């Protein structure tokens, strides 16, 4: 390495005046694989960089090895203090940490307690990342840190709960279902511009043994299959989904005392869903009826 220019360890590897350079630098410091570096490996790259600064690196050390050591070092040690950072607060933990929290917030939002918990967890994670990567040359008092944390967390909770309440009172999700001799059909609708707007469609054929079911069993099966098919829309909502069926006995499915084991089993499968069933005339259930015959 004596015949090649020395690497300046105090500047990024890629040109930061160019977008592609900034992008490559960002990908480097957020590489999630660096989260799994052991303390021993991190101390080794730190030592290698120190020796390189003094021109004492081991013989045969390549430039690529130095660049990798620099990237690994910067992923775990604070640039101002040189202290090793906690794993969760490191920039390389942003991808796995963000994926876990984002997935949880998108999945568990049905109840107010779930919204509160995951918003608090998300803001606490952000606060930890910001604190871990803070500018240590401009120290903050414990009071300033506490005020910033409470303000950020409180604002996020107020926004999330406010939007949840606002949207719940304005969106209306409707589901029309129907069953015929050979299959089931369903259409998911929402009210937009004071009119019913279709969102998604569902159609399926009965299996040979299902065609022998009674009418109430076929209609109940149609309801089960439709709700499970549209689970991404109706499975995690605090809003009551209105289900329309032209089979009047289905309206009493949730209240009736079933001695039919098949209906009892399907009723249990429906328990996670927040819905109510309303009867409509067959002539008003044209979409679902048509889909059941496709």
Protein backbone atom coordinates (compact mmCIF):
# COMPACT_ATOMS: atom_id res chain seq x y z
CA UNK A 1 0.00 0.00 0.00
CA UNK A 2 3.08 2.23 0.11
CA UNK A 3 2.72 3.05 -3.62
CA UNK A 4 -0.91 4.19 -3.38
CA UNK A 5 -2.36 7.39 -1.87
CA UNK A 6 -3.43 7.10 1.75
CA UNK A 7 -7.15 7.06 2.50
CA UNK A 8 -8.45 10.12 4.33
CA UNK A 9 -10.46 8.52 7.15
CA UNK A 10 -12.05 11.84 8.10
CA UNK A 11 -14.15 12.19 4.93
CA UNK A 12 -16.80 9.93 3.40
CA UNK A 13 -15.78 7.47 0.72
CA UNK A 14 -18.22 8.82 -1.86
CA UNK A 15 -18.55 12.38 -3.20
CA UNK A 16 -21.23 14.06 -1.08
CA UNK A 17 -21.80 16.82 -3.64
CA UNK A 18 -23.45 14.24 -5.92
CA UNK A 19 -26.80 12.56 -5.25
CA UNK A 20 -25.48 9.09 -6.08
CA UNK A 21 -22.61 9.66 -3.66
CA UNK A 22 -24.96 10.63 -0.84
CA UNK A 23 -27.19 7.65 -1.66
CA UNK A 24 -24.30 5.17 -1.53
CA UNK A 25 -23.12 6.70 1.74
CA UNK A 26 -26.64 6.35 3.17
CA UNK A 27 -26.87 2.70 2.12
CA UNK A 28 -23.51 2.10 3.74
CA UNK A 29 -24.36 3.49 7.18
CA UNK A 30 -27.82 1.87 7.24
CA UNK A 31 -26.62 -1.62 6.24
CA UNK A 32 -28.60 -3.84 8.66
CA UNK A 33 -25.98 -6.59 8.53
CA UNK A 34 -23.66 -4.43 10.62
CA UNK A 35 -26.05 -4.86 13.58
CA UNK A 36 -24.67 -8.35 14.05
CA UNK A 37 -21.05 -7.30 14.50
CA UNK A 38 -19.75 -8.58 17.83
CA UNK A 39 -17.91 -6.37 20.31
CA UNK A 40 -14.70 -8.18 19.45
CA UNK A 41 -15.12 -7.52 15.73
CA UNK A 42 -15.86 -3.86 16.38
CA UNK A 43 -12.80 -3.48 18.56
CA UNK A 44 -10.72 -5.11 15.82
CA UNK A 45 -11.86 -2.63 13.15
CA UNK A 46 -11.28 0.23 15.57
CA UNK A 47 -7.75 -0.97 16.22
CA UNK A 48 -7.10 -1.43 12.48
CA UNK A 49 -8.16 2.14 11.75
CA UNK A 50 -5.97 3.48 14.56
CA UNK A 51 -2.97 1.60 13.21
CA UNK A 52 -3.76 2.82 9.68
CA UNK A 53 -3.78 6.44 10.85
CA UNK A 54 -0.23 5.93 12.14
CA UNK A 55 0.90 3.99 9.06
CA UNK A 56 1.24 0.77 11.06
CA UNK A 57 -1.41 -1.40 9.41
CA UNK A 58 -0.53 -5.08 8.88
CA UNK A 59 1.27 -5.92 5.62
CA UNK A 60 -1.11 -6.80 2.79
CA UNK A 61 -4.00 -4.72 4.13
CA UNK A 62 -6.11 -3.71 1.14
CA UNK A 63 -7.93 -0.42 0.61
CA UNK A 64 -11.24 -2.28 0.50
CA UNK A 65 -10.56 -3.71 3.94
CA UNK A 66 -9.86 -0.23 5.29
CA UNK A 67 -13.06 1.14 3.75
CA UNK A 68 -15.06 -1.74 5.24
CA UNK A 69 -13.45 -1.18 8.63
CA UNK A 70 -14.34 2.52 8.42
CA UNK A 71 -17.96 1.68 7.58
CA UNK A 72 -18.23 -0.84 10.42
CA UNK A 73 -16.65 1.61 12.85
CA UNK A 74 -18.97 4.45 11.89
CA UNK A 75 -21.97 2.16 12.30
CA UNK A 76 -21.21 1.53 15.97
CA UNK A 77 -19.10 4.35 17.44
CA UNK A 78 -20.18 7.94 18.06
CA UNK A 79 -18.32 10.34 15.74
CA UNK A 80 -17.77 12.97 18.47
CA UNK A 81 -17.08 10.94 21.60
CA UNK A 82 -15.81 7.70 20.09
CA UNK A 83 -18.05 5.78 22.51
CA UNK A 84 -19.68 2.57 21.38
CA UNK A 85 -23.40 3.14 20.75
CA UNK A 86 -26.26 0.92 21.91
CA UNK A 87 -27.40 -1.44 19.15
CA UNK A 88 -31.00 -0.19 18.90
CA UNK A 89 -29.91 3.41 18.48
CA UNK A 90 -27.42 2.75 15.70
CA UNK A 91 -28.25 3.87 12.17
CA UNK A 92 -27.72 0.32 10.90
CA UNK A 93 -30.67 -0.78 13.07
CA UNK A 94 -33.04 1.64 11.32
CA UNK A 95 -34.20 -0.89 8.70
CA UNK A 96 -35.01 -3.87 10.97
CA UNK A 97 -36.29 -1.64 13.77
CA UNK A 98 -38.40 0.45 11.42
CA UNK A 99 -39.84 -2.63 9.70
CA UNK A 100 -40.92 -4.16 13.00
CA UNK A 101 -42.56 -0.98 14.26
CA UNK A 102 -44.18 -0.06 10.95
CA UNK A 103 -45.57 -3.57 10.57
CA UNK A 104 -46.95 -3.46 14.11
CA UNK A 105 -48.58 -0.05 13.61
CA UNK A 106 -50.20 -1.21 10.36
CA UNK A 107 -51.44 -4.42 11.96
CA UNK A 108 -52.48 -3.46 15.49
CA UNK A 109 -54.60 -0.35 15.22
CA UNK A 110 -58.06 -1.71 15.94
CA UNK A 111 -58.15 -0.77 19.62
CA UNK A 112 -57.21 2.52 21.22
CA UNK A 113 -54.79 0.79 23.60
CA UNK A 114 -52.93 -0.76 20.64
CA UNK A 115 -52.64 2.63 18.92
CA UNK A 116 -51.32 4.22 22.12
CA UNK A 117 -48.77 1.47 22.77
CA UNK A 118 -47.31 1.24 19.26
CA UNK A 119 -47.21 5.01 18.75
CA UNK A 120 -45.39 5.30 22.07
CA UNK A 121 -42.99 2.50 21.05
CA UNK A 122 -42.33 4.15 17.67
CA UNK A 123 -41.65 7.59 19.14
CA UNK A 124 -39.48 6.09 21.88
CA UNK A 125 -37.45 4.31 19.21
CA UNK A 126 -37.05 7.56 17.26
CA UNK A 127 -36.05 9.41 20.42
CA UNK A 128 -33.44 6.76 21.23
CA UNK A 129 -31.98 6.95 17.71
CA UNK A 130 -31.83 10.75 17.86
CA UNK A 131 -30.22 10.69 21.31
CA UNK A 132 -27.70 8.03 20.29
CA UNK A 133 -26.64 10.03 17.20
CA UNK A 134 -26.89 13.48 18.81
CA UNK A 135 -24.28 16.19 18.40
CA UNK A 136 -22.25 15.59 21.55
CA UNK A 137 -20.49 18.96 21.13
CA UNK A 138 -23.79 20.67 22.02
CA UNK A 139 -24.89 18.96 25.24
CA UNK A 140 -28.52 18.99 26.33
CA UNK A 141 -29.76 19.00 29.92
CA UNK A 142 -31.96 16.22 31.26
CA UNK A 143 -34.86 18.70 31.39
CA UNK A 144 -34.46 19.56 27.71
CA UNK A 145 -34.32 15.88 26.79
CA UNK A 146 -37.43 15.09 28.85
CA UNK A 147 -39.39 18.00 27.32
CA UNK A 148 -38.41 16.96 23.79
CA UNK A 149 -39.38 13.33 24.44
CA UNK A 150 -42.75 14.14 26.00
CA UNK A 151 -43.55 16.69 23.27
CA UNK A 152 -42.75 14.29 20.42
CA UNK A 153 -44.56 11.36 21.99
CA UNK A 154 -47.58 13.44 23.00
CA UNK A 155 -47.90 14.99 19.54
CA UNK A 156 -47.74 11.58 17.86
CA UNK A 157 -50.37 10.09 20.18
CA UNK A 158 -52.71 13.07 19.78
CA UNK A 159 -52.39 12.95 15.99
CA UNK A 160 -52.91 9.19 15.75
CA UNK A 161 -55.91 9.10 18.10
CA UNK A 162 -57.42 12.21 16.52
CA UNK A 163 -57.15 10.80 13.00
CA UNK A 164 -58.49 7.44 14.17
CA UNK A 165 -61.58 9.10 15.62
CA UNK A 166 -62.02 11.47 12.66
CA UNK A 167 -61.80 8.77 9.98
CA UNK A 168 -63.91 6.26 11.89
CA UNK A 169 -66.80 8.68 11.88
CA UNK A 170 -66.65 9.32 8.13
CA UNK A 171 -65.77 6.07 6.37
CA UNK A 172 -68.45 3.46 5.80
CA UNK A 173 -67.51 -0.04 4.67
CA UNK A 174 -70.23 -2.25 3.20
CA UNK A 175 -70.14 -5.85 2.05
CA UNK A 176 -72.72 -7.57 -0.12
CA UNK A 177 -72.64 -11.38 -0.13
CA UNK A 178 -74.66 -14.06 -1.86
CA UNK A 179 -74.60 -17.78 -2.51
CA UNK A 180 -76.20 -19.86 -5.24
CA UNK A 181 -76.20 -23.59 -5.92
CA UNK A 182 -72.70 -23.58 -7.36
CA UNK A 183 -70.72 -20.81 -5.67
CA UNK A 184 -70.40 -17.59 -3.70
CA UNK A 185 -69.99 -13.96 -4.65
CA UNK A 186 -69.22 -10.79 -2.74
CA UNK A 187 -68.43 -7.16 -3.39
CA UNK A 188 -66.80 -4.73 -0.99
CA UNK A 189 -68.13 -1.17 -1.21
CA UNK A 190 -67.52 2.22 0.35
CA UNK A 191 -69.61 5.35 0.35
CA UNK A 192 -67.95 8.07 -1.71
CA UNK A 193 -69.53 11.28 -2.97
CA UNK A 194 -72.77 10.08 -1.39
CA UNK A 195 -72.76 7.05 -3.69
CA UNK A 196 -71.75 3.42 -3.26
CA UNK A 197 -68.38 2.77 -4.88
CA UNK A 198 -67.09 -0.81 -5.41
CA UNK A 199 -63.64 -1.45 -3.95
CA UNK A 200 -63.02 -5.14 -4.62
CA UNK A 201 -64.78 -8.25 -5.86
CA UNK A 202 -64.75 -11.90 -4.80
CA UNK A 203 -66.07 -15.05 -6.42
CA UNK A 204 -65.50 -18.74 -5.71
CA UNK A 205 -66.98 -22.09 -6.70
CA UNK A 206 -68.24 -24.56 -4.13
CA UNK A 207 -66.42 -27.83 -3.67
CA UNK A 208 -68.50 -30.91 -4.62
CA UNK A 209 -69.31 -31.71 -0.97
CA UNK A 210 -70.26 -28.08 -0.28
CA UNK A 211 -72.96 -28.15 -2.94
CA UNK A 212 -74.90 -30.53 -0.71
CA UNK A 213 -75.09 -27.96 2.09
CA UNK A 214 -78.43 -26.47 3.07
CA UNK A 215 -79.28 -22.92 1.97
CA UNK A 216 -78.44 -21.34 5.34
CA UNK A 217 -75.13 -23.22 5.38
CA UNK A 218 -74.22 -21.99 1.90
CA UNK A 219 -75.11 -18.41 2.81
CA UNK A 220 -73.10 -18.64 6.05
CA UNK A 221 -70.14 -20.11 4.18
CA UNK A 222 -70.36 -17.26 1.67
CA UNK A 223 -70.12 -14.78 4.56
CA UNK A 224 -67.10 -16.57 6.08
CA UNK A 225 -65.23 -16.80 2.77
CA UNK A 226 -65.98 -13.16 1.88
CA UNK A 227 -64.83 -11.72 5.22
CA UNK A 228 -61.67 -13.82 5.21
CA UNK A 229 -60.94 -12.86 1.60
CA UNK A 230 -61.30 -9.14 2.42
CA UNK A 231 -59.47 -9.49 5.74
CA UNK A 232 -56.92 -6.83 4.75
CA UNK A 233 -59.79 -4.33 4.54
CA UNK A 234 -62.12 -5.48 7.33
CA UNK A 235 -60.01 -7.62 9.64
CA UNK A 236 -58.40 -4.87 11.71
CA UNK A 237 -60.92 -2.08 11.88
CA UNK A 238 -62.76 -0.58 14.82
CA UNK A 239 -65.58 0.41 12.50
CA UNK A 240 -68.59 -1.88 12.16
CA UNK A 241 -68.76 -3.43 8.69
CA UNK A 242 -72.32 -3.69 7.39
CA UNK A 243 -72.96 -6.98 5.58
CA UNK A 244 -75.95 -7.17 3.24
CA UNK A 245 -77.56 -10.49 2.37
CA UNK A 246 -80.78 -11.41 0.63
CA UNK A 247 -81.12 -14.49 2.85
CA UNK A 248 -83.12 -13.26 5.84
CA UNK A 249 -82.25 -16.12 8.29
CA UNK A 250 -78.58 -15.12 8.00
CA UNK A 251 -79.40 -11.89 9.85
CA UNK A 252 -79.89 -13.92 13.03
CA UNK A 253 -76.73 -16.01 12.64
CA UNK A 254 -74.87 -14.26 15.47
CA UNK A 255 -77.80 -14.44 17.87
CA UNK A 256 -79.27 -17.87 17.17
CA UNK A 257 -78.46 -20.88 19.35
CA UNK A 258 -77.11 -23.30 16.80
CA UNK A 259 -77.30 -27.04 17.14
CA UNK A 260 -75.74 -27.30 13.70
CA UNK A 261 -72.05 -27.98 14.38
CA UNK A 262 -71.03 -26.59 11.00
CA UNK A 263 -72.73 -23.25 11.68
CA UNK A 264 -71.30 -23.19 15.20
CA UNK A 265 -67.81 -23.70 13.81
CA UNK A 266 -68.22 -20.91 11.27
CA UNK A 267 -69.66 -18.58 13.89
CA UNK A 268 -66.40 -19.00 15.84
CA UNK A 269 -64.41 -18.14 12.72
CA UNK A 270 -66.43 -14.93 12.40
CA UNK A 271 -65.80 -13.73 15.95
CA UNK A 272 -62.66 -11.67 15.14
CA UNK A 273 -64.68 -9.53 12.72
CA UNK A 274 -66.66 -6.47 13.74
CA UNK A 275 -69.76 -6.66 11.57
CA UNK A 276 -73.56 -6.60 11.50
CA UNK A 277 -75.85 -8.30 9.00
CA UNK A 278 -78.75 -6.59 7.31
CA UNK A 279 -81.31 -8.03 4.93
CA UNK A 280 -81.84 -6.60 1.45
CA UNK A 281 -84.14 -7.76 -1.33
CA UNK A 282 -82.63 -10.00 -3.97
CA UNK A 283 -83.15 -7.41 -6.70
CA UNK A 284 -80.87 -5.04 -4.75
CA UNK A 285 -78.12 -7.63 -4.36
CA UNK A 286 -77.39 -7.92 -8.07
CA UNK A 287 -73.59 -7.59 -7.96
CA UNK A 288 -73.00 -10.33 -5.39
CA UNK A 289 -75.61 -12.56 -7.03
CA UNK A 290 -73.92 -12.20 -10.43
CA UNK A 291 -70.49 -12.95 -8.99
CA UNK A 292 -71.77 -16.10 -7.29
CA UNK A 293 -72.75 -17.48 -10.69
CA UNK A 294 -69.46 -16.70 -12.46
